[in-house]
């Protein structure tokens, strides 16, 4: 898949997403088409990720940071967020814990 094809898939995904956002009864053909678009869109995201960010470092995550989507995640997972890059992990560590969360621990 080329970058142009990947971008086209993302636009197609966008169109299908908004069509599906309207509550209508789906036919099995619509469900199959939606699954096909979702799978192809995911492949497009991976192609764009590799072409824009280059290959992930060995031993690191092959996925982008779930907070900023600007850098590869560092390989550590957080239950409430997912994978974070080093900058987002450092920013999260620097944030004070809200009082409500301190009490529930």
PDB file of N, CA and C in Angstrom:
ATOM      1  N   UNK A   1       0.858  -1.173   0.000  1.00  0.00           N
ATOM      2  CA  UNK A   1       0.000   0.000   0.000  1.00  0.00           C
ATOM      3  C   UNK A   1       0.906   1.238   0.000  1.00  0.00           C
ATOM      4  N   UNK A   2       0.627   2.158  -0.906  1.00  0.00           N
ATOM      5  CA  UNK A   2       1.398   3.396  -0.969  1.00  0.00           C
ATOM      6  C   UNK A   2       0.835   4.418   0.018  1.00  0.00           C
ATOM      7  N   UNK A   3       1.579   5.518   0.234  1.00  0.00           N
ATOM      8  CA  UNK A   3       1.089   6.572   1.125  1.00  0.00           C
ATOM      9  C   UNK A   3      -0.200   7.183   0.575  1.00  0.00           C
ATOM     10  N   UNK A   4      -0.289   7.363  -0.730  1.00  0.00           N
ATOM     11  CA  UNK A   4      -1.506   7.920  -1.325  1.00  0.00           C
ATOM     12  C   UNK A   4      -2.692   6.986  -1.102  1.00  0.00           C
ATOM     13  N   UNK A   5      -2.467   5.689  -1.262  1.00  0.00           N
ATOM     14  CA  UNK A   5      -3.538   4.717  -1.024  1.00  0.00           C
ATOM     15  C   UNK A   5      -3.952   4.728   0.444  1.00  0.00           C
ATOM     16  N   UNK A   6      -2.957   4.808   1.336  1.00  0.00           N
ATOM     17  CA  UNK A   6      -3.244   4.834   2.764  1.00  0.00           C
ATOM     18  C   UNK A   6      -4.078   6.049   3.125  1.00  0.00           C
ATOM     19  N   UNK A   7      -3.722   7.196   2.571  1.00  0.00           N
ATOM     20  CA  UNK A   7      -4.490   8.399   2.849  1.00  0.00           C
ATOM     21  C   UNK A   7      -5.911   8.273   2.307  1.00  0.00           C
ATOM     22  N   UNK A   8      -6.050   7.693   1.136  1.00  0.00           N
ATOM     23  CA  UNK A   8      -7.386   7.488   0.562  1.00  0.00           C
ATOM     24  C   UNK A   8      -8.224   6.574   1.447  1.00  0.00           C
ATOM     25  N   UNK A   9      -7.602   5.544   2.001  1.00  0.00           N
ATOM     26  CA  UNK A   9      -8.322   4.633   2.899  1.00  0.00           C
ATOM     27  C   UNK A   9      -8.805   5.384   4.134  1.00  0.00           C
ATOM     28  N   UNK A  10      -7.982   6.270   4.661  1.00  0.00           N
ATOM     29  CA  UNK A  10      -8.390   7.029   5.845  1.00  0.00           C
ATOM     30  C   UNK A  10      -9.580   7.928   5.547  1.00  0.00           C
ATOM     31  N   UNK A  11      -9.599   8.539   4.373  1.00  0.00           N
ATOM     32  CA  UNK A  11     -10.767   9.338   3.996  1.00  0.00           C
ATOM     33  C   UNK A  11     -11.996   8.451   3.839  1.00  0.00           C
ATOM     34  N   UNK A  12     -11.809   7.270   3.269  1.00  0.00           N
ATOM     35  CA  UNK A  12     -12.930   6.327   3.119  1.00  0.00           C
ATOM     36  C   UNK A  12     -13.438   5.896   4.499  1.00  0.00           C
ATOM     37  N   UNK A  13     -12.521   5.620   5.388  1.00  0.00           N
ATOM     38  CA  UNK A  13     -12.890   5.260   6.753  1.00  0.00           C
ATOM     39  C   UNK A  13     -13.715   6.365   7.398  1.00  0.00           C
ATOM     40  N   UNK A  14     -13.273   7.598   7.221  1.00  0.00           N
ATOM     41  CA  UNK A  14     -13.988   8.750   7.766  1.00  0.00           C
ATOM     42  C   UNK A  14     -15.432   8.793   7.246  1.00  0.00           C
ATOM     43  N   UNK A  15     -15.588   8.625   5.936  1.00  0.00           N
ATOM     44  CA  UNK A  15     -16.933   8.652   5.344  1.00  0.00           C
ATOM     45  C   UNK A  15     -17.817   7.539   5.906  1.00  0.00           C
ATOM     46  N   UNK A  16     -17.292   6.334   5.982  1.00  0.00           N
ATOM     47  CA  UNK A  16     -18.072   5.207   6.499  1.00  0.00           C
ATOM     48  C   UNK A  16     -18.395   5.410   7.967  1.00  0.00           C
ATOM     49  N   UNK A  17     -17.437   5.938   8.733  1.00  0.00           N
ATOM     50  CA  UNK A  17     -17.672   6.174  10.148  1.00  0.00           C
ATOM     51  C   UNK A  17     -18.882   7.079  10.340  1.00  0.00           C
ATOM     52  N   UNK A  18     -18.933   8.178   9.619  1.00  0.00           N
ATOM     53  CA  UNK A  18     -20.031   9.110   9.793  1.00  0.00           C
ATOM     54  C   UNK A  18     -21.349   8.542   9.284  1.00  0.00           C
ATOM     55  N   UNK A  19     -21.310   7.723   8.257  1.00  0.00           N
ATOM     56  CA  UNK A  19     -22.525   7.054   7.801  1.00  0.00           C
ATOM     57  C   UNK A  19     -23.030   6.091   8.866  1.00  0.00           C
ATOM     58  N   UNK A  20     -22.105   5.400   9.520  1.00  0.00           N
ATOM     59  CA  UNK A  20     -22.479   4.425  10.544  1.00  0.00           C
ATOM     60  C   UNK A  20     -22.875   5.096  11.859  1.00  0.00           C
ATOM     61  N   UNK A  21     -22.487   6.335  12.042  1.00  0.00           N
ATOM     62  CA  UNK A  21     -22.824   7.035  13.281  1.00  0.00           C
ATOM     63  C   UNK A  21     -24.320   7.303  13.380  1.00  0.00           C
ATOM     64  N   UNK A  22     -25.000   7.328  12.246  1.00  0.00           N
ATOM     65  CA  UNK A  22     -26.452   7.503  12.240  1.00  0.00           C
ATOM     66  C   UNK A  22     -27.091   6.170  12.607  1.00  0.00           C
ATOM     67  N   UNK A  23     -27.948   6.143  13.635  1.00  0.00           N
ATOM     68  CA  UNK A  23     -28.542   4.865  14.054  1.00  0.00           C
ATOM     69  C   UNK A  23     -29.527   4.324  13.011  1.00  0.00           C
ATOM     70  N   UNK A  24     -29.055   3.358  12.244  1.00  0.00           N
ATOM     71  CA  UNK A  24     -29.905   2.643  11.296  1.00  0.00           C
ATOM     72  C   UNK A  24     -29.660   1.160  11.490  1.00  0.00           C
ATOM     73  N   UNK A  25     -30.592   0.362  11.074  1.00  0.00           N
ATOM     74  CA  UNK A  25     -30.425  -1.083  11.183  1.00  0.00           C
ATOM     75  C   UNK A  25     -29.463  -1.547  10.094  1.00  0.00           C
ATOM     76  N   UNK A  26     -28.386  -2.177  10.488  1.00  0.00           N
ATOM     77  CA  UNK A  26     -27.383  -2.618   9.531  1.00  0.00           C
ATOM     78  C   UNK A  26     -27.761  -3.949   8.909  1.00  0.00           C
ATOM     79  N   UNK A  27     -27.539  -4.051   7.629  1.00  0.00           N
ATOM     80  CA  UNK A  27     -27.666  -5.319   6.930  1.00  0.00           C
ATOM     81  C   UNK A  27     -26.313  -6.020   7.026  1.00  0.00           C
ATOM     82  N   UNK A  28     -26.305  -7.324   6.800  1.00  0.00           N
ATOM     83  CA  UNK A  28     -25.039  -8.065   6.908  1.00  0.00           C
ATOM     84  C   UNK A  28     -24.008  -7.561   5.904  1.00  0.00           C
ATOM     85  N   UNK A  29     -24.428  -7.107   4.731  1.00  0.00           N
ATOM     86  CA  UNK A  29     -23.482  -6.565   3.745  1.00  0.00           C
ATOM     87  C   UNK A  29     -22.842  -5.286   4.280  1.00  0.00           C
ATOM     88  N   UNK A  30     -23.617  -4.470   4.990  1.00  0.00           N
ATOM     89  CA  UNK A  30     -23.070  -3.246   5.576  1.00  0.00           C
ATOM     90  C   UNK A  30     -22.053  -3.584   6.655  1.00  0.00           C
ATOM     91  N   UNK A  31     -22.360  -4.587   7.476  1.00  0.00           N
ATOM     92  CA  UNK A  31     -21.423  -4.988   8.529  1.00  0.00           C
ATOM     93  C   UNK A  31     -20.114  -5.480   7.923  1.00  0.00           C
ATOM     94  N   UNK A  32     -20.209  -6.289   6.866  1.00  0.00           N
ATOM     95  CA  UNK A  32     -19.002  -6.803   6.214  1.00  0.00           C
ATOM     96  C   UNK A  32     -18.194  -5.664   5.600  1.00  0.00           C
ATOM     97  N   UNK A  33     -18.877  -4.707   4.989  1.00  0.00           N
ATOM     98  CA  UNK A  33     -18.186  -3.567   4.388  1.00  0.00           C
ATOM     99  C   UNK A  33     -17.499  -2.736   5.465  1.00  0.00           C
ATOM    100  N   UNK A  34     -18.172  -2.551   6.600  1.00  0.00           N
ATOM    101  CA  UNK A  34     -17.576  -1.775   7.687  1.00  0.00           C
ATOM    102  C   UNK A  34     -16.331  -2.465   8.237  1.00  0.00           C
ATOM    103  N   UNK A  35     -16.393  -3.784   8.425  1.00  0.00           N
ATOM    104  CA  UNK A  35     -15.218  -4.528   8.903  1.00  0.00           C
ATOM    105  C   UNK A  35     -14.061  -4.425   7.911  1.00  0.00           C
ATOM    106  N   UNK A  36     -14.378  -4.515   6.620  1.00  0.00           N
ATOM    107  CA  UNK A  36     -13.346  -4.407   5.591  1.00  0.00           C
ATOM    108  C   UNK A  36     -12.674  -3.038   5.650  1.00  0.00           C
ATOM    109  N   UNK A  37     -13.470  -1.988   5.789  1.00  0.00           N
ATOM    110  CA  UNK A  37     -12.917  -0.631   5.862  1.00  0.00           C
ATOM    111  C   UNK A  37     -12.086  -0.467   7.127  1.00  0.00           C
ATOM    112  N   UNK A  38     -12.554  -0.980   8.262  1.00  0.00           N
ATOM    113  CA  UNK A  38     -11.798  -0.881   9.510  1.00  0.00           C
ATOM    114  C   UNK A  38     -10.440  -1.560   9.385  1.00  0.00           C
ATOM    115  N   UNK A  39     -10.414  -2.767   8.811  1.00  0.00           N
ATOM    116  CA  UNK A  39      -9.154  -3.502   8.658  1.00  0.00           C
ATOM    117  C   UNK A  39      -8.199  -2.778   7.713  1.00  0.00           C
ATOM    118  N   UNK A  40      -8.724  -2.281   6.603  1.00  0.00           N
ATOM    119  CA  UNK A  40      -7.895  -1.577   5.634  1.00  0.00           C
ATOM    120  C   UNK A  40      -7.395  -0.262   6.211  1.00  0.00           C
ATOM    121  N   UNK A  41      -8.226   0.428   6.984  1.00  0.00           N
ATOM    122  CA  UNK A  41      -7.818   1.683   7.610  1.00  0.00           C
ATOM    123  C   UNK A  41      -6.697   1.435   8.617  1.00  0.00           C
ATOM    124  N   UNK A  42      -6.774   0.354   9.359  1.00  0.00           N
ATOM    125  CA  UNK A  42      -5.711   0.032  10.313  1.00  0.00           C
ATOM    126  C   UNK A  42      -4.400  -0.229   9.575  1.00  0.00           C
ATOM    127  N   UNK A  43      -4.469  -0.963   8.474  1.00  0.00           N
ATOM    128  CA  UNK A  43      -3.279  -1.210   7.662  1.00  0.00           C
ATOM    129  C   UNK A  43      -2.705   0.118   7.150  1.00  0.00           C
ATOM    130  N   UNK A  44      -3.582   1.028   6.746  1.00  0.00           N
ATOM    131  CA  UNK A  44      -3.149   2.339   6.258  1.00  0.00           C
ATOM    132  C   UNK A  44      -2.436   3.114   7.360  1.00  0.00           C
ATOM    133  N   UNK A  45      -2.955   3.054   8.570  1.00  0.00           N
ATOM    134  CA  UNK A  45      -2.306   3.741   9.690  1.00  0.00           C
ATOM    135  C   UNK A  45      -0.900   3.192   9.933  1.00  0.00           C
ATOM    136  N   UNK A  46      -0.740   1.888   9.844  1.00  0.00           N
ATOM    137  CA  UNK A  46       0.581   1.287  10.046  1.00  0.00           C
ATOM    138  C   UNK A  46       1.553   1.702   8.944  1.00  0.00           C
ATOM    139  N   UNK A  47       1.070   1.760   7.696  1.00  0.00           N
ATOM    140  CA  UNK A  47       1.919   2.191   6.583  1.00  0.00           C
ATOM    141  C   UNK A  47       2.365   3.628   6.798  1.00  0.00           C
ATOM    142  N   UNK A  48       1.420   4.498   7.157  1.00  0.00           N
ATOM    143  CA  UNK A  48       1.763   5.899   7.384  1.00  0.00           C
ATOM    144  C   UNK A  48       2.693   6.068   8.579  1.00  0.00           C
ATOM    145  N   UNK A  49       2.485   5.282   9.616  1.00  0.00           N
ATOM    146  CA  UNK A  49       3.340   5.349  10.798  1.00  0.00           C
ATOM    147  C   UNK A  49       4.786   5.025  10.431  1.00  0.00           C
ATOM    148  N   UNK A  50       4.985   3.934   9.713  1.00  0.00           N
ATOM    149  CA  UNK A  50       6.347   3.552   9.319  1.00  0.00           C
ATOM    150  C   UNK A  50       6.967   4.572   8.376  1.00  0.00           C
ATOM    151  N   UNK A  51       6.182   5.093   7.436  1.00  0.00           N
ATOM    152  CA  UNK A  51       6.756   6.025   6.461  1.00  0.00           C
ATOM    153  C   UNK A  51       7.059   7.386   7.077  1.00  0.00           C
ATOM    154  N   UNK A  52       6.292   7.786   8.058  1.00  0.00           N
ATOM    155  CA  UNK A  52       6.489   9.097   8.680  1.00  0.00           C
ATOM    156  C   UNK A  52       7.499   9.026   9.823  1.00  0.00           C
ATOM    157  N   UNK A  53       7.402   8.002  10.658  1.00  0.00           N
ATOM    158  CA  UNK A  53       8.239   7.914  11.861  1.00  0.00           C
ATOM    159  C   UNK A  53       9.429   6.968  11.713  1.00  0.00           C
ATOM    160  N   UNK A  54       9.479   6.222  10.627  1.00  0.00           N
ATOM    161  CA  UNK A  54      10.546   5.235  10.455  1.00  0.00           C
ATOM    162  C   UNK A  54      10.264   3.993  11.275  1.00  0.00           C
ATOM    163  N   UNK A  55      11.160   3.045  11.219  1.00  0.00           N
ATOM    164  CA  UNK A  55      10.977   1.801  11.963  1.00  0.00           C
ATOM    165  C   UNK A  55      11.119   2.051  13.460  1.00  0.00           C
ATOM    166  N   UNK A  56      10.341   1.320  14.224  1.00  0.00           N
ATOM    167  CA  UNK A  56      10.433   1.410  15.686  1.00  0.00           C
ATOM    168  C   UNK A  56      11.771   0.849  16.140  1.00  0.00           C
ATOM    169  N   UNK A  57      12.253   1.347  17.270  1.00  0.00           N
ATOM    170  CA  UNK A  57      13.528   0.850  17.787  1.00  0.00           C
ATOM    171  C   UNK A  57      13.358  -0.588  18.282  1.00  0.00           C
ATOM    172  N   UNK A  58      14.404  -1.413  18.140  1.00  0.00           N
ATOM    173  CA  UNK A  58      14.322  -2.797  18.622  1.00  0.00           C
ATOM    174  C   UNK A  58      14.022  -2.826  20.120  1.00  0.00           C
ATOM    175  N   UNK A  59      13.094  -3.658  20.509  1.00  0.00           N
ATOM    176  CA  UNK A  59      12.723  -3.773  21.915  1.00  0.00           C
ATOM    177  C   UNK A  59      11.721  -2.736  22.363  1.00  0.00           C
ATOM    178  N   UNK A  60      11.443  -1.748  21.530  1.00  0.00           N
ATOM    179  CA  UNK A  60      10.455  -0.722  21.864  1.00  0.00           C
ATOM    180  C   UNK A  60       9.097  -1.075  21.299  1.00  0.00           C
ATOM    181  N   UNK A  61       8.169  -0.203  21.478  1.00  0.00           N
ATOM    182  CA  UNK A  61       6.820  -0.409  20.970  1.00  0.00           C
ATOM    183  C   UNK A  61       6.779  -0.153  19.465  1.00  0.00           C
ATOM    184  N   UNK A  62       5.929  -0.870  18.781  1.00  0.00           N
ATOM    185  CA  UNK A  62       5.709  -0.653  17.353  1.00  0.00           C
ATOM    186  C   UNK A  62       4.490   0.239  17.134  1.00  0.00           C
ATOM    187  N   UNK A  63       3.954   0.804  18.204  1.00  0.00           N
ATOM    188  CA  UNK A  63       2.753   1.634  18.144  1.00  0.00           C
ATOM    189  C   UNK A  63       3.057   3.032  18.666  1.00  0.00           C
ATOM    190  N   UNK A  64       2.293   3.990  18.188  1.00  0.00           N
ATOM    191  CA  UNK A  64       2.479   5.368  18.628  1.00  0.00           C
ATOM    192  C   UNK A  64       1.910   5.573  20.022  1.00  0.00           C
ATOM    193  N   UNK A  65       2.362   6.611  20.669  1.00  0.00           N
ATOM    194  CA  UNK A  65       1.894   7.007  21.991  1.00  0.00           C
ATOM    195  C   UNK A  65       0.378   7.205  21.951  1.00  0.00           C
ATOM    196  N   UNK A  66      -0.328   6.634  22.899  1.00  0.00           N
ATOM    197  CA  UNK A  66      -1.788   6.750  22.948  1.00  0.00           C
ATOM    198  C   UNK A  66      -2.263   8.100  23.461  1.00  0.00           C
ATOM    199  N   UNK A  67      -1.351   8.961  23.887  1.00  0.00           N
ATOM    200  CA  UNK A  67      -1.739  10.289  24.363  1.00  0.00           C
ATOM    201  C   UNK A  67      -1.550  11.351  23.282  1.00  0.00           C
ATOM    202  N   UNK A  68      -0.403  11.327  22.586  1.00  0.00           N
ATOM    203  CA  UNK A  68      -0.115  12.397  21.616  1.00  0.00           C
ATOM    204  C   UNK A  68      -0.066  11.920  20.171  1.00  0.00           C
ATOM    205  N   UNK A  69       0.164  10.636  19.936  1.00  0.00           N
ATOM    206  CA  UNK A  69       0.300  10.066  18.588  1.00  0.00           C
ATOM    207  C   UNK A  69       1.401  10.751  17.781  1.00  0.00           C
ATOM    208  N   UNK A  70       2.392  11.320  18.448  1.00  0.00           N
ATOM    209  CA  UNK A  70       3.465  12.039  17.773  1.00  0.00           C
ATOM    210  C   UNK A  70       4.784  11.257  17.759  1.00  0.00           C
ATOM    211  N   UNK A  71       4.950  10.315  18.671  1.00  0.00           N
ATOM    212  CA  UNK A  71       6.174   9.525  18.788  1.00  0.00           C
ATOM    213  C   UNK A  71       5.798   8.087  19.137  1.00  0.00           C
ATOM    214  N   UNK A  72       6.748   7.187  18.940  1.00  0.00           N
ATOM    215  CA  UNK A  72       6.510   5.806  19.348  1.00  0.00           C
ATOM    216  C   UNK A  72       6.384   5.733  20.868  1.00  0.00           C
ATOM    217  N   UNK A  73       5.520   4.868  21.338  1.00  0.00           N
ATOM    218  CA  UNK A  73       5.401   4.615  22.770  1.00  0.00           C
ATOM    219  C   UNK A  73       6.687   3.945  23.250  1.00  0.00           C
ATOM    220  N   UNK A  74       6.967   4.080  24.539  1.00  0.00           N
ATOM    221  CA  UNK A  74       8.231   3.549  25.071  1.00  0.00           C
ATOM    222  C   UNK A  74       8.165   2.072  25.449  1.00  0.00           C
ATOM    223  N   UNK A  75       7.036   1.439  25.287  1.00  0.00           N
ATOM    224  CA  UNK A  75       6.923   0.010  25.557  1.00  0.00           C
ATOM    225  C   UNK A  75       6.281  -0.333  26.887  1.00  0.00           C
ATOM    226  N   UNK A  76       6.101   0.655  27.766  1.00  0.00           N
ATOM    227  CA  UNK A  76       5.424   0.429  29.054  1.00  0.00           C
ATOM    228  C   UNK A  76       3.951   0.754  28.886  1.00  0.00           C
ATOM    229  N   UNK A  77       3.084  -0.064  29.451  1.00  0.00           N
ATOM    230  CA  UNK A  77       1.642   0.159  29.320  1.00  0.00           C
ATOM    231  C   UNK A  77       1.045   0.640  30.626  1.00  0.00           C
ATOM    232  N   UNK A  78       0.081   1.529  30.510  1.00  0.00           N
ATOM    233  CA  UNK A  78      -0.698   2.018  31.644  1.00  0.00           C
ATOM    234  C   UNK A  78      -2.139   1.597  31.419  1.00  0.00           C
ATOM    235  N   UNK A  79      -2.785   1.053  32.444  1.00  0.00           N
ATOM    236  CA  UNK A  79      -4.149   0.550  32.292  1.00  0.00           C
ATOM    237  C   UNK A  79      -5.112   1.596  31.768  1.00  0.00           C
ATOM    238  N   UNK A  80      -5.022   2.820  32.282  1.00  0.00           N
ATOM    239  CA  UNK A  80      -6.005   3.836  31.930  1.00  0.00           C
ATOM    240  C   UNK A  80      -5.708   4.547  30.616  1.00  0.00           C
ATOM    241  N   UNK A  81      -4.489   4.418  30.084  1.00  0.00           N
ATOM    242  CA  UNK A  81      -4.138   5.146  28.870  1.00  0.00           C
ATOM    243  C   UNK A  81      -3.652   4.212  27.775  1.00  0.00           C
ATOM    244  N   UNK A  82      -2.753   3.334  28.089  1.00  0.00           N
ATOM    245  CA  UNK A  82      -2.104   2.492  27.088  1.00  0.00           C
ATOM    246  C   UNK A  82      -0.624   2.807  27.068  1.00  0.00           C
ATOM    247  N   UNK A  83      -0.041   2.826  25.885  1.00  0.00           N
ATOM    248  CA  UNK A  83       1.376   3.107  25.753  1.00  0.00           C
ATOM    249  C   UNK A  83       1.645   4.597  25.642  1.00  0.00           C
ATOM    250  N   UNK A  84       2.686   5.058  26.311  1.00  0.00           N
ATOM    251  CA  UNK A  84       3.066   6.469  26.269  1.00  0.00           C
ATOM    252  C   UNK A  84       4.489   6.612  25.761  1.00  0.00           C
ATOM    253  N   UNK A  85       4.771   7.738  25.114  1.00  0.00           N
ATOM    254  CA  UNK A  85       6.146   8.060  24.745  1.00  0.00           C
ATOM    255  C   UNK A  85       6.850   8.598  25.994  1.00  0.00           C
ATOM    256  N   UNK A  86       8.145   8.767  25.904  1.00  0.00           N
ATOM    257  CA  UNK A  86       8.904   9.242  27.066  1.00  0.00           C
ATOM    258  C   UNK A  86       8.447  10.623  27.524  1.00  0.00           C
ATOM    259  N   UNK A  87       8.158  11.529  26.584  1.00  0.00           N
ATOM    260  CA  UNK A  87       7.734  12.877  26.964  1.00  0.00           C
ATOM    261  C   UNK A  87       6.379  12.874  27.671  1.00  0.00           C
ATOM    262  N   UNK A  88       5.424  12.118  27.158  1.00  0.00           N
ATOM    263  CA  UNK A  88       4.098  12.069  27.800  1.00  0.00           C
ATOM    264  C   UNK A  88       4.160  11.360  29.149  1.00  0.00           C
ATOM    265  N   UNK A  89       5.030  10.330  29.245  1.00  0.00           N
ATOM    266  CA  UNK A  89       5.186   9.640  30.535  1.00  0.00           C
ATOM    267  C   UNK A  89       5.771  10.602  31.571  1.00  0.00           C
ATOM    268  N   UNK A  90       6.764  11.390  31.167  1.00  0.00           N
ATOM    269  CA  UNK A  90       7.368  12.363  32.085  1.00  0.00           C
ATOM    270  C   UNK A  90       6.355  13.436  32.479  1.00  0.00           C
ATOM    271  N   UNK A  91       5.540  13.899  31.535  1.00  0.00           N
ATOM    272  CA  UNK A  91       4.526  14.906  31.841  1.00  0.00           C
ATOM    273  C   UNK A  91       3.479  14.341  32.798  1.00  0.00           C
ATOM    274  N   UNK A  92       3.109  13.093  32.596  1.00  0.00           N
ATOM    275  CA  UNK A  92       2.129  12.466  33.485  1.00  0.00           C
ATOM    276  C   UNK A  92       2.698  12.315  34.895  1.00  0.00           C
ATOM    277  N   UNK A  93       3.964  11.954  35.000  1.00  0.00           N
ATOM    278  CA  UNK A  93       4.598  11.785  36.313  1.00  0.00           C
ATOM    279  C   UNK A  93       4.715  13.109  37.051  1.00  0.00           C
ATOM    280  N   UNK A  94       4.809  14.197  36.302  1.00  0.00           N
ATOM    281  CA  UNK A  94       4.954  15.520  36.918  1.00  0.00           C
ATOM    282  C   UNK A  94       3.632  16.092  37.393  1.00  0.00           C
ATOM    283  N   UNK A  95       2.513  15.513  36.949  1.00  0.00           N
ATOM    284  CA  UNK A  95       1.198  16.023  37.357  1.00  0.00           C
ATOM    285  C   UNK A  95       0.872  15.551  38.764  1.00  0.00           C
ATOM    286  N   UNK A  96       0.348  16.450  39.604  1.00  0.00           N
ATOM    287  CA  UNK A  96      -0.068  16.022  40.947  1.00  0.00           C
ATOM    288  C   UNK A  96      -1.298  15.117  40.863  1.00  0.00           C
ATOM    289  N   UNK A  97      -1.396  14.195  41.784  1.00  0.00           N
ATOM    290  CA  UNK A  97      -2.549  13.296  41.839  1.00  0.00           C
ATOM    291  C   UNK A  97      -3.716  14.049  42.462  1.00  0.00           C
ATOM    292  N   UNK A  98      -4.893  14.067  41.805  1.00  0.00           N
ATOM    293  CA  UNK A  98      -6.054  14.733  42.398  1.00  0.00           C
ATOM    294  C   UNK A  98      -6.426  14.114  43.743  1.00  0.00           C
ATOM    295  N   UNK A  99      -6.965  14.917  44.642  1.00  0.00           N
ATOM    296  CA  UNK A  99      -7.310  14.457  45.986  1.00  0.00           C
ATOM    297  C   UNK A  99      -8.261  13.285  45.944  1.00  0.00           C
ATOM    298  N   UNK A 100      -9.235  13.272  45.035  1.00  0.00           N
ATOM    299  CA  UNK A 100     -10.191  12.170  44.956  1.00  0.00           C
ATOM    300  C   UNK A 100      -9.493  10.853  44.657  1.00  0.00           C
ATOM    301  N   UNK A 101      -8.432  10.872  43.831  1.00  0.00           N
ATOM    302  CA  UNK A 101      -7.693   9.652  43.516  1.00  0.00           C
ATOM    303  C   UNK A 101      -6.812   9.229  44.685  1.00  0.00           C
ATOM    304  N   UNK A 102      -6.278  10.180  45.436  1.00  0.00           N
ATOM    305  CA  UNK A 102      -5.446   9.847  46.601  1.00  0.00           C
ATOM    306  C   UNK A 102      -6.268   9.094  47.639  1.00  0.00           C
ATOM    307  N   UNK A 103      -7.522   9.503  47.822  1.00  0.00           N
ATOM    308  CA  UNK A 103      -8.363   8.877  48.829  1.00  0.00           C
ATOM    309  C   UNK A 103      -8.820   7.492  48.438  1.00  0.00           C
ATOM    310  N   UNK A 104      -8.918   7.214  47.134  1.00  0.00           N
ATOM    311  CA  UNK A 104      -9.428   5.923  46.717  1.00  0.00           C
ATOM    312  C   UNK A 104      -8.342   4.844  46.691  1.00  0.00           C
ATOM    313  N   UNK A 105      -7.090   5.230  46.886  1.00  0.00           N
ATOM    314  CA  UNK A 105      -5.993   4.260  46.816  1.00  0.00           C
ATOM    315  C   UNK A 105      -5.888   3.456  48.072  1.00  0.00           C
TER     316      UNK A 105
END
